[in-house]
C-alpha atoms as a PDB file:
ATOM      1  CA  MET A   1       0.000   0.000   0.000  1.00  0.00           C
ATOM      2  CA  THR A   2       1.140   3.369  -0.853  1.00  0.00           C
ATOM      3  CA  LYS A   3       0.818   6.359   1.137  1.00  0.00           C
ATOM      4  CA  ASN A   4      -1.709   7.919  -1.211  1.00  0.00           C
ATOM      5  CA  SER A   5      -4.061   4.943  -1.246  1.00  0.00           C
ATOM      6  CA  SER A   6      -4.166   4.661   2.504  1.00  0.00           C
ATOM      7  CA  SER A   7      -4.835   8.333   2.888  1.00  0.00           C
ATOM      8  CA  LYS A   8      -7.791   8.185   0.530  1.00  0.00           C
ATOM      9  CA  SER A   9      -9.554   5.309   2.321  1.00  0.00           C
ATOM     10  CA  SER A  10      -9.143   6.508   5.853  1.00  0.00           C
ATOM     11  CA  PRO A  11      -9.540   9.955   7.284  1.00  0.00           C
ATOM     12  CA  PRO A  12      -6.519  11.841   8.389  1.00  0.00           C
ATOM     13  CA  ALA A  13      -5.242  10.727  11.750  1.00  0.00           C
ATOM     14  CA  PRO A  14      -5.882  13.048  14.637  1.00  0.00           C
ATOM     15  CA  PRO A  15      -2.778  14.788  15.831  1.00  0.00           C
ATOM     16  CA  GLY A  16      -0.746  12.704  18.230  1.00  0.00           C
ATOM     17  CA  THR A  17      -2.047   9.313  16.934  1.00  0.00           C
ATOM     18  CA  THR A  18      -0.347   6.801  14.743  1.00  0.00           C
ATOM     19  CA  PRO A  19      -1.747   5.789  11.369  1.00  0.00           C
ATOM     20  CA  ASP A  20      -2.540   2.247  12.649  1.00  0.00           C
ATOM     21  CA  ALA A  21      -4.557   3.591  15.602  1.00  0.00           C
ATOM     22  CA  SER A  22      -6.400   5.915  13.269  1.00  0.00           C
ATOM     23  CA  ALA A  23      -7.326   3.045  10.997  1.00  0.00           C
ATOM     24  CA  SER A  24      -8.479   1.000  13.956  1.00  0.00           C
ATOM     25  CA  ILE A  25     -10.764   3.805  15.165  1.00  0.00           C
ATOM     26  CA  HIS A  26     -12.100   4.272  11.680  1.00  0.00           C
ATOM     27  CA  ASP A  27     -12.843   0.553  11.323  1.00  0.00           C
ATOM     28  CA  SER A  28     -14.600   0.479  14.716  1.00  0.00           C
ATOM     29  CA  ALA A  29     -16.753   3.465  13.806  1.00  0.00           C
ATOM     30  CA  GLN A  30     -17.580   1.836  10.497  1.00  0.00           C
ATOM     31  CA  GLN A  31     -18.647  -1.390  12.249  1.00  0.00           C
ATOM     32  CA  ILE A  32     -20.791   0.527  14.756  1.00  0.00           C
ATOM     33  CA  TRP A  33     -22.469   2.368  11.919  1.00  0.00           C
ATOM     34  CA  GLN A  34     -23.153  -0.861  10.044  1.00  0.00           C
ATOM     35  CA  ALA A  35     -24.483  -2.567  13.186  1.00  0.00           C
ATOM     36  CA  GLY A  36     -26.856   0.364  13.722  1.00  0.00           C
ATOM     37  CA  LEU A  37     -28.084   0.102  10.125  1.00  0.00           C
ATOM     38  CA  GLY A  38     -28.620  -3.634  10.561  1.00  0.00           C
ATOM     39  CA  ALA A  39     -30.538  -3.112  13.818  1.00  0.00           C
ATOM     40  CA  PHE A  40     -32.646  -0.421  12.197  1.00  0.00           C
ATOM     41  CA  THR A  41     -33.493  -2.702   9.258  1.00  0.00           C
ATOM     42  CA  ARG A  42     -34.306  -5.623  11.544  1.00  0.00           C
ATOM     43  CA  ALA A  43     -36.453  -3.375  13.752  1.00  0.00           C
ATOM     44  CA  GLN A  44     -38.385  -2.258  10.677  1.00  0.00           C
ATOM     45  CA  LEU A  45     -38.939  -5.850   9.535  1.00  0.00           C
ATOM     46  CA  GLU A  46     -39.613  -7.394  12.916  1.00  0.00           C
ATOM     47  CA  GLY A  47     -40.852  -4.279  14.698  1.00  0.00           C
ATOM     48  CA  SER A  48     -44.557  -4.967  14.358  1.00  0.00           C
ATOM     49  CA  LYS A  49     -44.022  -8.593  15.420  1.00  0.00           C
ATOM     50  CA  THR A  50     -41.958  -7.501  18.391  1.00  0.00           C
ATOM     51  CA  PHE A  51     -44.504  -4.833  19.330  1.00  0.00           C
ATOM     52  CA  GLU A  52     -47.366  -7.345  19.239  1.00  0.00           C
ATOM     53  CA  SER A  53     -45.422  -9.852  21.331  1.00  0.00           C
ATOM     54  CA  LEU A  54     -44.603  -7.131  23.873  1.00  0.00           C
ATOM     55  CA  VAL A  55     -48.303  -6.163  24.057  1.00  0.00           C
ATOM     56  CA  LYS A  56     -49.249  -9.819  24.642  1.00  0.00           C
ATOM     57  CA  GLU A  57     -46.654 -10.125  27.407  1.00  0.00           C
ATOM     58  CA  GLY A  58     -47.931  -6.883  28.952  1.00  0.00           C
ATOM     59  CA  VAL A  59     -51.548  -8.134  28.892  1.00  0.00           C
ATOM     60  CA  GLU A  60     -50.520 -11.373  30.581  1.00  0.00           C
ATOM     61  CA  ILE A  61     -48.579  -9.516  33.251  1.00  0.00           C
ATOM     62  CA  GLN A  62     -51.517  -7.142  33.816  1.00  0.00           C
ATOM     63  CA  ARG A  63     -53.966 -10.072  34.200  1.00  0.00           C
ATOM     64  CA  LYS A  64     -51.698 -11.817  36.657  1.00  0.00           C
ATOM     65  CA  THR A  65     -51.185  -8.613  38.631  1.00  0.00           C
ATOM     66  CA  GLN A  66     -54.909  -7.818  38.642  1.00  0.00           C
ATOM     67  CA  ALA A  67     -55.816 -11.361  39.763  1.00  0.00           C
ATOM     68  CA  ALA A  68     -53.248 -11.170  42.565  1.00  0.00           C
ATOM     69  CA  ALA A  69     -54.572  -7.752  43.615  1.00  0.00           C
ATOM     70  CA  GLU A  70     -58.186  -8.996  43.639  1.00  0.00           C
ATOM     71  CA  GLU A  71     -57.170 -12.017  45.708  1.00  0.00           C
ATOM     72  CA  LYS A  72     -55.386  -9.796  48.223  1.00  0.00           C
ATOM     73  CA  LEU A  73     -58.411  -7.472  48.326  1.00  0.00           C
ATOM     74  CA  ALA A  74     -60.763 -10.415  48.972  1.00  0.00           C
ATOM     75  CA  GLN A  75     -58.511 -11.661  51.769  1.00  0.00           C
ATOM     76  CA  ALA A  76     -58.349  -8.193  53.305  1.00  0.00           C
ATOM     77  CA  THR A  77     -62.142  -7.833  53.079  1.00  0.00           C
ATOM     78  CA  GLN A  78     -62.670 -11.197  54.786  1.00  0.00           C
ATOM     79  CA  HIS A  79     -60.185 -10.258  57.484  1.00  0.00           C
ATOM     80  CA  MET A  80     -61.887  -6.898  58.120  1.00  0.00           C
ATOM     81  CA  ALA A  81     -65.338  -8.527  58.209  1.00  0.00           C
ATOM     82  CA  LYS A  82     -64.078 -11.052  60.732  1.00  0.00           C
ATOM     83  CA  LEU A  83     -62.568  -8.289  62.877  1.00  0.00           C
ATOM     84  CA  ALA A  84     -65.790  -6.279  62.694  1.00  0.00           C
ATOM     85  CA  SER A  85     -67.920  -9.237  63.750  1.00  0.00           C
ATOM     86  CA  ASN A  86     -65.537  -9.994  66.618  1.00  0.00           C
ATOM     87  CA  LEU A  87     -65.641  -6.379  67.768  1.00  0.00           C
ATOM     88  CA  SER A  88     -69.425  -6.121  67.544  1.00  0.00           C
ATOM     89  CA  GLY A  89     -69.897  -9.459  69.300  1.00  0.00           C
ATOM     90  CA  GLY A  90     -67.434  -8.525  72.012  1.00  0.00           C
ATOM     91  CA  ALA A  91     -68.968  -5.097  72.520  1.00  0.00           C
ATOM     92  CA  ALA A  92     -72.547  -6.410  72.616  1.00  0.00           C
ATOM     93  CA  GLY A  93     -71.900  -8.372  75.809  1.00  0.00           C
ATOM     94  CA  PRO A  94     -70.893  -5.404  77.987  1.00  0.00           C
ATOM     95  CA  TRP A  95     -73.631  -3.190  76.498  1.00  0.00           C
ATOM     96  CA  ASN A  96     -76.276  -5.834  77.218  1.00  0.00           C
ATOM     97  CA  LYS A  97     -74.999  -6.189  80.771  1.00  0.00           C
ATOM     98  CA  LEU A  98     -75.027  -2.413  81.245  1.00  0.00           C
ATOM     99  CA  GLY A  99     -78.582  -2.231  79.873  1.00  0.00           C
ATOM    100  CA  THR A 100     -79.748  -4.944  82.265  1.00  0.00           C
ATOM    101  CA  ILE A 101     -78.188  -3.156  85.245  1.00  0.00           C
ATOM    102  CA  PHE A 102     -79.850   0.120  84.228  1.00  0.00           C
ATOM    103  CA  GLU A 103     -83.275  -1.536  83.788  1.00  0.00           C
ATOM    104  CA  ASP A 104     -83.019  -3.225  87.196  1.00  0.00           C
ATOM    105  CA  ARG A 105     -82.179   0.058  88.935  1.00  0.00           C
ATOM    106  CA  VAL A 106     -85.021   1.910  87.241  1.00  0.00           C
ATOM    107  CA  ALA A 107     -87.473  -0.871  88.169  1.00  0.00           C
ATOM    108  CA  ARG A 108     -86.369  -0.737  91.822  1.00  0.00           C
ATOM    109  CA  ALA A 109     -86.707   3.053  91.899  1.00  0.00           C
ATOM    110  CA  LEU A 110     -90.207   2.930  90.410  1.00  0.00           C
ATOM    111  CA  GLN A 111     -91.221   0.175  92.825  1.00  0.00           C
ATOM    112  CA  SER A 112     -90.022   2.213  95.818  1.00  0.00           C
ATOM    113  CA  LEU A 113     -92.138   5.143  94.575  1.00  0.00           C
ATOM    114  CA  GLY A 114     -95.213   2.896  94.345  1.00  0.00           C
ATOM    115  CA  VAL A 115     -95.434   2.900  90.557  1.00  0.00           C
ATOM    116  CA  PRO A 116     -96.824  -0.427  89.335  1.00  0.00           C
ATOM    117  CA  CYS A 117     -94.715  -2.487  86.970  1.00  0.00           C
ATOM    118  CA  ALA A 118     -95.848  -3.624  83.537  1.00  0.00           C
ATOM    119  CA  ALA A 119     -96.951  -7.049  84.815  1.00  0.00           C
ATOM    120  CA  GLU A 120     -99.121  -5.464  87.516  1.00  0.00           C
ATOM    121  CA  VAL A 121    -100.710  -3.077  85.009  1.00  0.00           C
ATOM    122  CA  ALA A 122    -101.426  -6.018  82.687  1.00  0.00           C
ATOM    123  CA  ALA A 123    -103.040  -7.978  85.553  1.00  0.00           C
ATOM    124  CA  LEU A 124    -105.200  -4.973  86.488  1.00  0.00           C
ATOM    125  CA  THR A 125    -106.238  -4.505  82.872  1.00  0.00           C
ATOM    126  CA  ALA A 126    -107.278  -8.164  82.690  1.00  0.00           C
ATOM    127  CA  ARG A 127    -109.333  -7.818  85.896  1.00  0.00           C
ATOM    128  CA  ILE A 128    -111.021  -4.658  84.589  1.00  0.00           C
ATOM    129  CA  ASP A 129    -111.919  -6.443  81.351  1.00  0.00           C
ATOM    130  CA  ALA A 130    -113.384  -9.374  83.307  1.00  0.00           C
ATOM    131  CA  LEU A 131    -115.405  -7.035  85.552  1.00  0.00           C
ATOM    132  CA  SER A 132    -116.697  -5.110  82.525  1.00  0.00           C
ATOM    133  CA  ALA A 133    -117.856  -8.355  80.945  1.00  0.00           C
ATOM    134  CA  ALA A 134    -119.639  -9.355  84.186  1.00  0.00           C
ATOM    135  CA  VAL A 135    -121.366  -5.944  84.436  1.00  0.00           C
ATOM    136  CA  ASP A 136    -122.498  -6.233  80.815  1.00  0.00           C
ATOM    137  CA  GLN A 137    -123.982  -9.680  81.525  1.00  0.00           C
ATOM    138  CA  LEU A 138    -125.838  -8.421  84.621  1.00  0.00           C
ATOM    139  CA  SER A 139    -127.166  -5.408  82.678  1.00  0.00           C
ATOM    140  CA  ALA A 140    -128.442  -7.705  79.949  1.00  0.00           C
ATOM    141  CA  ARG A 141    -130.225  -9.912  82.536  1.00  0.00           C
ATOM    142  CA  ASN A 142    -131.810  -6.926  84.306  1.00  0.00           C
ATOM    143  CA  THR A 143    -133.029  -5.518  80.997  1.00  0.00           C
ATOM    144  CA  ALA A 144    -134.595  -8.868  80.095  1.00  0.00           C
ATOM    145  CA  HIS A 145    -136.308  -9.133  83.520  1.00  0.00           C
ATOM    146  CA  ALA A 146    -137.498  -5.532  83.341  1.00  0.00           C
ATOM    147  CA  ASP A 147    -139.133  -6.162  79.952  1.00  0.00           C
ATOM    148  CA  GLN A 148    -140.933  -9.261  81.298  1.00  0.00           C
ATOM    149  CA  ALA A 149    -142.057  -7.737  84.657  1.00  0.00           C
ATOM    150  CA  PRO A 150    -144.496  -5.029  83.396  1.00  0.00           C
ATOM    151  CA  ALA A 151    -146.351  -7.540  81.235  1.00  0.00           C
ATOM    152  CA  ALA A 152    -146.725  -9.959  84.153  1.00  0.00           C
ATOM    153  CA  GLN A 153    -147.887  -7.230  86.528  1.00  0.00           C
ATOM    154  CA  ALA A 154    -150.449  -5.906  84.064  1.00  0.00           C
ATOM    155  CA  ALA A 155    -152.010  -9.321  83.632  1.00  0.00           C
ATOM    156  CA  SER A 156    -152.296 -10.117  87.331  1.00  0.00           C
ATOM    157  CA  ALA A 157    -153.224  -6.724  88.805  1.00  0.00           C
ATOM    158  CA  LYS A 158    -156.830  -5.287  89.020  1.00  0.00           C
ATOM    159  CA  PRO A 159    -157.343  -1.698  88.204  1.00  0.00           C
ATOM    160  CA  LYS A 160    -157.905   0.384  91.326  1.00  0.00           C
ATOM    161  CA  ALA A 161    -160.077   3.477  91.554  1.00  0.00           C
ATOM    162  CA  PRO A 162    -158.274   6.618  92.417  1.00  0.00           C
ATOM    163  CA  LYS A 163    -158.888   8.031  95.876  1.00  0.00           C
ATOM    164  CA  VAL A 164    -160.852  11.252  95.976  1.00  0.00           C
ATOM    165  CA  ALA A 165    -160.628  13.607  98.913  1.00  0.00           C
ATOM    166  CA  LYS A 166    -163.968  14.526 100.450  1.00  0.00           C
ATOM    167  CA  ALA A 167    -164.808  18.108 101.245  1.00  0.00           C
ATOM    168  CA  PRO A 168    -165.648  18.921 104.839  1.00  0.00           C
ATOM    169  CA  ALA A 169    -169.357  19.376 105.511  1.00  0.00           C
ATOM    170  CA  THR A 170    -170.558  22.703 106.924  1.00  0.00           C
ATOM    171  CA  ALA A 171    -173.978  23.303 108.615  1.00  0.00           C
ATOM    172  CA  LYS A 172    -174.564  26.779 107.467  1.00  0.00           C
ATOM    173  CA  THR A 173    -174.365  28.010 103.947  1.00  0.00           C
ATOM    174  CA  SER A 174    -173.803  31.656 103.572  1.00  0.00           C
ATOM    175  CA  LYS A 175    -173.933  34.018 100.711  1.00  0.00           C
ATOM    176  CA  PRO A 176    -170.713  35.294  99.550  1.00  0.00           C
ATOM    177  CA  ARG A 177    -170.029  38.778 100.652  1.00  0.00           C
ATOM    178  CA  THR A 178    -169.546  41.446  98.112  1.00  0.00           C
ATOM    179  CA  PRO A 179    -167.358  44.349  98.862  1.00  0.00           C
ATOM    180  CA  ALA A 180    -168.892  47.836  99.180  1.00  0.00           C
ATOM    181  CA  ARG A 181    -168.523  50.088  96.288  1.00  0.00           C
ATOM    182  CA  SER A 182    -166.674  53.241  96.731  1.00  0.00           C
ATOM    183  CA  THR A 183    -168.184  56.478  95.415  1.00  0.00           C
ATOM    184  CA  ALA A 184    -165.193  58.607  95.980  1.00  0.00           C
ATOM    185  CA  GLY A 185    -163.782  60.190  92.959  1.00  0.00           C
ATOM    186  CA  THR A 186    -166.941  59.904  90.847  1.00  0.00           C
ATOM    187  CA  GLY A 187    -168.140  63.413  91.479  1.00  0.00           C
ATOM    188  CA  GLY A 188    -171.645  62.435  92.298  1.00  0.00           C
ATOM    189  CA  THR A 189    -173.647  61.903  95.468  1.00  0.00           C
ATOM    190  CA  HIS A 190    -174.917  58.644  96.564  1.00  0.00           C
ATOM    191  CA  LYS A 191    -178.624  58.457  97.306  1.00  0.00           C
END
């Protein structure tokens, strides 16, 4: 190789480098450029196939992730429901006990004041209903007897004459007295 032919095929060497190093750098740059062109061409040819395969992989990963997330959510929901039922069941016991204590104290206070309890009021109501029914039965019997009694009395009784008071007898009958007439204020004389 002559000096002219080597200078035409390779660029001039940077200052401070040897011609062999310059050729080596030039060859490396050329290979990098060619590799880039090859990758670009392959990406154009296989790009749509690669893109579709990447989308499929992404869909699969998303499904797996979503299924795992839903499973974790279901487990968390079950856990929270269990905790809530335990808390409500545990809290109901003391509240029921407190309610019973309060009701007992109120009942004792009302009893000491002479206020009847619900059972006593119910018993009194039942007695009043029974007495009302008995009074209604007696009223019905008395009404039936009262309707029958006047008819029986009318048939068996004789009519009686009314009593008349007699006037006292006097021996002397007298004429009724007439009052004297007054002539005063008439303007005339009496003859």
